[in-house]
């Protein structure tokens, strides 16, 4: 389960939003920790696998560049407190959520959420997204936003489940 890269073109993808307050992240079956810069290679492989065969599919090298750009504030200031990973006992990443404070959205944005194919449909995406939103609330952010690629029904269901709604914006 995943939400694709955020773009600056407001006309390509719908903008989703929700208040950061009032989310109960629930518990994850796997340990959740903050994203580390050393996770980039595993994170790129995770995103590549999670998005394979979807509207957001991209070559591994592109994932590596895009994720590096997110983590190095290329999509607005990176928010490490709301960027998390879930690890399998083997040390492999099972899921990840990345957040930035993207100026064009005038609020933090969930820049990526991805769950490994064998870990999907087990609540991990909800857990990671919930923990990220709660971290944003604890930092004082009133709202958060996301762009979901048209045709990414899995991500739309996830974000709806956690209270996101499609919004029209004209900024």
C-alpha atoms as a PDB file:
ATOM      1  CA  UNK A   1       0.000   0.000   0.000  1.00  0.00           C
ATOM      2  CA  UNK A   2       1.517   3.302  -0.953  1.00  0.00           C
ATOM      3  CA  UNK A   3       0.965   6.920  -1.873  1.00  0.00           C
ATOM      4  CA  UNK A   4       3.074   8.289  -4.676  1.00  0.00           C
ATOM      5  CA  UNK A   5       5.454  11.178  -4.947  1.00  0.00           C
ATOM      6  CA  UNK A   6       4.140  14.632  -4.428  1.00  0.00           C
ATOM      7  CA  UNK A   7       4.294  17.028  -7.352  1.00  0.00           C
ATOM      8  CA  UNK A   8       4.052  20.789  -7.531  1.00  0.00           C
ATOM      9  CA  UNK A   9       1.479  20.701 -10.359  1.00  0.00           C
ATOM     10  CA  UNK A  10      -1.885  21.263  -8.665  1.00  0.00           C
ATOM     11  CA  UNK A  11      -3.791  20.105 -11.725  1.00  0.00           C
ATOM     12  CA  UNK A  12      -2.458  16.549 -11.955  1.00  0.00           C
ATOM     13  CA  UNK A  13      -3.503  14.913  -8.710  1.00  0.00           C
ATOM     14  CA  UNK A  14      -6.184  15.514  -6.081  1.00  0.00           C
ATOM     15  CA  UNK A  15      -5.176  17.106  -2.783  1.00  0.00           C
ATOM     16  CA  UNK A  16      -6.277  15.286   0.362  1.00  0.00           C
ATOM     17  CA  UNK A  17      -6.211  16.716   3.891  1.00  0.00           C
ATOM     18  CA  UNK A  18      -7.162  16.157   7.499  1.00  0.00           C
ATOM     19  CA  UNK A  19      -6.667  17.741  10.882  1.00  0.00           C
ATOM     20  CA  UNK A  20      -3.630  16.390  12.701  1.00  0.00           C
ATOM     21  CA  UNK A  21      -5.487  16.194  16.005  1.00  0.00           C
ATOM     22  CA  UNK A  22      -7.716  13.315  17.022  1.00  0.00           C
ATOM     23  CA  UNK A  23      -5.872  10.393  15.435  1.00  0.00           C
ATOM     24  CA  UNK A  24      -5.324   7.192  17.378  1.00  0.00           C
ATOM     25  CA  UNK A  25      -2.429   5.437  15.652  1.00  0.00           C
ATOM     26  CA  UNK A  26      -3.094   2.019  17.140  1.00  0.00           C
ATOM     27  CA  UNK A  27      -0.440  -0.604  17.572  1.00  0.00           C
ATOM     28  CA  UNK A  28       1.742  -2.163  14.925  1.00  0.00           C
ATOM     29  CA  UNK A  29       2.718  -5.816  14.814  1.00  0.00           C
ATOM     30  CA  UNK A  30       6.259  -4.733  13.963  1.00  0.00           C
ATOM     31  CA  UNK A  31       8.571  -2.304  15.752  1.00  0.00           C
ATOM     32  CA  UNK A  32       8.337   1.288  14.486  1.00  0.00           C
ATOM     33  CA  UNK A  33      11.285   3.672  14.654  1.00  0.00           C
ATOM     34  CA  UNK A  34      12.431   6.930  13.147  1.00  0.00           C
ATOM     35  CA  UNK A  35      13.835   6.869   9.628  1.00  0.00           C
ATOM     36  CA  UNK A  36      17.640   7.000   9.487  1.00  0.00           C
ATOM     37  CA  UNK A  37      19.735   8.243   6.577  1.00  0.00           C
ATOM     38  CA  UNK A  38      21.276   4.764   6.440  1.00  0.00           C
ATOM     39  CA  UNK A  39      17.813   3.409   5.493  1.00  0.00           C
ATOM     40  CA  UNK A  40      17.875   5.001   2.020  1.00  0.00           C
ATOM     41  CA  UNK A  41      18.942   1.905   0.061  1.00  0.00           C
ATOM     42  CA  UNK A  42      16.396  -0.353   1.776  1.00  0.00           C
ATOM     43  CA  UNK A  43      13.761   2.361   1.517  1.00  0.00           C
ATOM     44  CA  UNK A  44      14.251   2.666  -2.239  1.00  0.00           C
ATOM     45  CA  UNK A  45      13.939  -1.111  -2.652  1.00  0.00           C
ATOM     46  CA  UNK A  46      10.818  -1.118  -0.480  1.00  0.00           C
ATOM     47  CA  UNK A  47       9.154   1.657  -2.501  1.00  0.00           C
ATOM     48  CA  UNK A  48      10.156   0.015  -5.778  1.00  0.00           C
ATOM     49  CA  UNK A  49       8.542  -3.275  -4.703  1.00  0.00           C
ATOM     50  CA  UNK A  50       5.478  -1.624  -3.122  1.00  0.00           C
ATOM     51  CA  UNK A  51       4.707   0.384  -6.254  1.00  0.00           C
ATOM     52  CA  UNK A  52       5.559  -2.318  -8.826  1.00  0.00           C
ATOM     53  CA  UNK A  53       2.731  -2.760 -11.306  1.00  0.00           C
ATOM     54  CA  UNK A  54       0.820   0.304 -10.066  1.00  0.00           C
ATOM     55  CA  UNK A  55       0.263   3.764 -11.520  1.00  0.00           C
ATOM     56  CA  UNK A  56       3.213   4.922  -9.378  1.00  0.00           C
ATOM     57  CA  UNK A  57       5.703   2.304 -10.595  1.00  0.00           C
ATOM     58  CA  UNK A  58       9.203   3.674 -11.239  1.00  0.00           C
ATOM     59  CA  UNK A  59      12.720   2.294 -11.770  1.00  0.00           C
ATOM     60  CA  UNK A  60      14.784   1.651  -8.645  1.00  0.00           C
ATOM     61  CA  UNK A  61      17.277   4.399  -9.552  1.00  0.00           C
ATOM     62  CA  UNK A  62      14.457   6.953  -9.737  1.00  0.00           C
ATOM     63  CA  UNK A  63      13.156   5.861  -6.328  1.00  0.00           C
ATOM     64  CA  UNK A  64      16.627   6.306  -4.886  1.00  0.00           C
ATOM     65  CA  UNK A  65      16.936   9.845  -6.304  1.00  0.00           C
ATOM     66  CA  UNK A  66      13.412  10.895  -5.275  1.00  0.00           C
ATOM     67  CA  UNK A  67      13.705   9.516  -1.737  1.00  0.00           C
ATOM     68  CA  UNK A  68      17.119  11.115  -1.305  1.00  0.00           C
ATOM     69  CA  UNK A  69      15.599  14.410  -2.435  1.00  0.00           C
ATOM     70  CA  UNK A  70      12.738  14.070   0.080  1.00  0.00           C
ATOM     71  CA  UNK A  71      15.143  13.244   2.916  1.00  0.00           C
ATOM     72  CA  UNK A  72      17.416  16.160   1.945  1.00  0.00           C
ATOM     73  CA  UNK A  73      14.566  18.699   1.983  1.00  0.00           C
ATOM     74  CA  UNK A  74      14.048  18.853  -1.777  1.00  0.00           C
ATOM     75  CA  UNK A  75      10.285  18.811  -1.182  1.00  0.00           C
ATOM     76  CA  UNK A  76      10.321  21.292   1.682  1.00  0.00           C
ATOM     77  CA  UNK A  77      11.908  20.823   5.104  1.00  0.00           C
ATOM     78  CA  UNK A  78      12.096  17.125   5.960  1.00  0.00           C
ATOM     79  CA  UNK A  79      10.182  16.249   9.144  1.00  0.00           C
ATOM     80  CA  UNK A  80      12.138  13.426  10.823  1.00  0.00           C
ATOM     81  CA  UNK A  81       9.790  13.251  13.819  1.00  0.00           C
ATOM     82  CA  UNK A  82       6.955  12.198  11.475  1.00  0.00           C
ATOM     83  CA  UNK A  83       9.046  10.020   9.129  1.00  0.00           C
ATOM     84  CA  UNK A  84       8.985   6.441  10.351  1.00  0.00           C
ATOM     85  CA  UNK A  85       9.779   2.881   9.331  1.00  0.00           C
ATOM     86  CA  UNK A  86       8.567  -0.526  10.481  1.00  0.00           C
ATOM     87  CA  UNK A  87      11.163  -3.285  10.594  1.00  0.00           C
ATOM     88  CA  UNK A  88      10.793  -7.019  10.245  1.00  0.00           C
ATOM     89  CA  UNK A  89      12.751  -9.227  12.688  1.00  0.00           C
ATOM     90  CA  UNK A  90      15.280  -9.793   9.869  1.00  0.00           C
ATOM     91  CA  UNK A  91      16.047  -6.049   9.842  1.00  0.00           C
ATOM     92  CA  UNK A  92      14.372  -5.529   6.449  1.00  0.00           C
ATOM     93  CA  UNK A  93      11.977  -2.619   6.157  1.00  0.00           C
ATOM     94  CA  UNK A  94       8.331  -3.654   5.975  1.00  0.00           C
ATOM     95  CA  UNK A  95       6.917  -0.157   5.626  1.00  0.00           C
ATOM     96  CA  UNK A  96       7.726   3.526   5.726  1.00  0.00           C
ATOM     97  CA  UNK A  97       6.094   6.949   5.877  1.00  0.00           C
ATOM     98  CA  UNK A  98       7.917  10.195   5.063  1.00  0.00           C
ATOM     99  CA  UNK A  99       6.699  13.710   5.831  1.00  0.00           C
ATOM    100  CA  UNK A 100       7.870  17.145   4.749  1.00  0.00           C
ATOM    101  CA  UNK A 101       6.687  20.687   5.357  1.00  0.00           C
ATOM    102  CA  UNK A 102       6.054  21.433   1.676  1.00  0.00           C
ATOM    103  CA  UNK A 103       5.582  25.225   1.303  1.00  0.00           C
ATOM    104  CA  UNK A 104       3.232  25.021  -1.711  1.00  0.00           C
ATOM    105  CA  UNK A 105       0.735  22.993   0.353  1.00  0.00           C
ATOM    106  CA  UNK A 106       0.875  25.414   3.302  1.00  0.00           C
ATOM    107  CA  UNK A 107       0.969  22.409   5.638  1.00  0.00           C
ATOM    108  CA  UNK A 108       2.997  19.266   6.204  1.00  0.00           C
ATOM    109  CA  UNK A 109       2.601  16.675   3.488  1.00  0.00           C
ATOM    110  CA  UNK A 110       2.781  12.910   3.630  1.00  0.00           C
ATOM    111  CA  UNK A 111       5.368  12.640   0.865  1.00  0.00           C
ATOM    112  CA  UNK A 112       5.387   8.834   0.781  1.00  0.00           C
ATOM    113  CA  UNK A 113       3.809   5.843   2.422  1.00  0.00           C
ATOM    114  CA  UNK A 114       4.829   2.406   1.239  1.00  0.00           C
ATOM    115  CA  UNK A 115       4.350  -1.106   2.596  1.00  0.00           C
ATOM    116  CA  UNK A 116       6.184  -4.171   1.314  1.00  0.00           C
ATOM    117  CA  UNK A 117       3.928  -6.434  -0.767  1.00  0.00           C
ATOM    118  CA  UNK A 118       4.080  -9.311   1.734  1.00  0.00           C
ATOM    119  CA  UNK A 119       3.152  -6.963   4.612  1.00  0.00           C
ATOM    120  CA  UNK A 120       0.161  -5.296   2.911  1.00  0.00           C
ATOM    121  CA  UNK A 121      -3.448  -5.683   4.072  1.00  0.00           C
ATOM    122  CA  UNK A 122      -2.324  -6.258   7.689  1.00  0.00           C
ATOM    123  CA  UNK A 123      -2.858  -2.754   9.089  1.00  0.00           C
ATOM    124  CA  UNK A 124       0.752  -1.611   8.832  1.00  0.00           C
ATOM    125  CA  UNK A 125      -0.044   1.302   6.501  1.00  0.00           C
ATOM    126  CA  UNK A 126      -2.742   2.556   8.902  1.00  0.00           C
ATOM    127  CA  UNK A 127      -0.404   2.221  11.837  1.00  0.00           C
ATOM    128  CA  UNK A 128       2.483   4.088  10.178  1.00  0.00           C
ATOM    129  CA  UNK A 129       0.262   6.849   8.804  1.00  0.00           C
ATOM    130  CA  UNK A 130      -1.476   7.222  12.166  1.00  0.00           C
ATOM    131  CA  UNK A 131       1.844   7.521  14.017  1.00  0.00           C
ATOM    132  CA  UNK A 132       3.068  10.099  11.506  1.00  0.00           C
ATOM    133  CA  UNK A 133      -0.076  12.233  11.827  1.00  0.00           C
ATOM    134  CA  UNK A 134       0.093  12.025  15.614  1.00  0.00           C
ATOM    135  CA  UNK A 135       3.745  13.160  15.533  1.00  0.00           C
ATOM    136  CA  UNK A 136       2.711  16.146  13.396  1.00  0.00           C
ATOM    137  CA  UNK A 137      -0.010  17.005  15.928  1.00  0.00           C
ATOM    138  CA  UNK A 138       2.485  16.817  18.799  1.00  0.00           C
ATOM    139  CA  UNK A 139       4.703  19.272  16.884  1.00  0.00           C
ATOM    140  CA  UNK A 140       1.778  21.721  16.707  1.00  0.00           C
ATOM    141  CA  UNK A 141       0.763  21.303  13.076  1.00  0.00           C
ATOM    142  CA  UNK A 142      -3.018  21.757  12.751  1.00  0.00           C
ATOM    143  CA  UNK A 143      -3.422  20.132   9.285  1.00  0.00           C
ATOM    144  CA  UNK A 144      -1.611  17.726   6.993  1.00  0.00           C
ATOM    145  CA  UNK A 145      -2.055  17.024   3.314  1.00  0.00           C
ATOM    146  CA  UNK A 146      -1.234  14.458   0.657  1.00  0.00           C
ATOM    147  CA  UNK A 147      -1.496  14.053  -3.087  1.00  0.00           C
ATOM    148  CA  UNK A 148      -2.534  10.634  -4.308  1.00  0.00           C
ATOM    149  CA  UNK A 149      -2.044   9.653  -7.919  1.00  0.00           C
ATOM    150  CA  UNK A 150      -5.268   9.107  -9.862  1.00  0.00           C
ATOM    151  CA  UNK A 151      -5.898   5.375 -10.037  1.00  0.00           C
ATOM    152  CA  UNK A 152      -4.151   4.598  -6.748  1.00  0.00           C
ATOM    153  CA  UNK A 153      -7.290   3.187  -5.114  1.00  0.00           C
ATOM    154  CA  UNK A 154      -5.340   1.428  -2.358  1.00  0.00           C
ATOM    155  CA  UNK A 155      -3.882   4.710  -1.109  1.00  0.00           C
ATOM    156  CA  UNK A 156      -7.227   6.465  -1.418  1.00  0.00           C
ATOM    157  CA  UNK A 157      -8.816   3.810   0.828  1.00  0.00           C
ATOM    158  CA  UNK A 158      -6.004   4.104   3.368  1.00  0.00           C
ATOM    159  CA  UNK A 159      -6.197   7.883   3.564  1.00  0.00           C
ATOM    160  CA  UNK A 160     -10.010   7.849   3.767  1.00  0.00           C
ATOM    161  CA  UNK A 161      -9.834   5.286   6.566  1.00  0.00           C
ATOM    162  CA  UNK A 162      -7.676   7.712   8.533  1.00  0.00           C
ATOM    163  CA  UNK A 163     -10.002  10.652   7.988  1.00  0.00           C
ATOM    164  CA  UNK A 164      -8.475  12.364   4.970  1.00  0.00           C
ATOM    165  CA  UNK A 165     -10.906  13.979   2.549  1.00  0.00           C
ATOM    166  CA  UNK A 166     -10.475  15.262  -0.966  1.00  0.00           C
ATOM    167  CA  UNK A 167     -10.360  19.065  -1.011  1.00  0.00           C
ATOM    168  CA  UNK A 168     -10.455  21.740  -3.684  1.00  0.00           C
ATOM    169  CA  UNK A 169      -7.818  24.396  -3.291  1.00  0.00           C
ATOM    170  CA  UNK A 170      -7.109  27.516  -5.286  1.00  0.00           C
ATOM    171  CA  UNK A 171      -3.863  28.931  -4.005  1.00  0.00           C
END
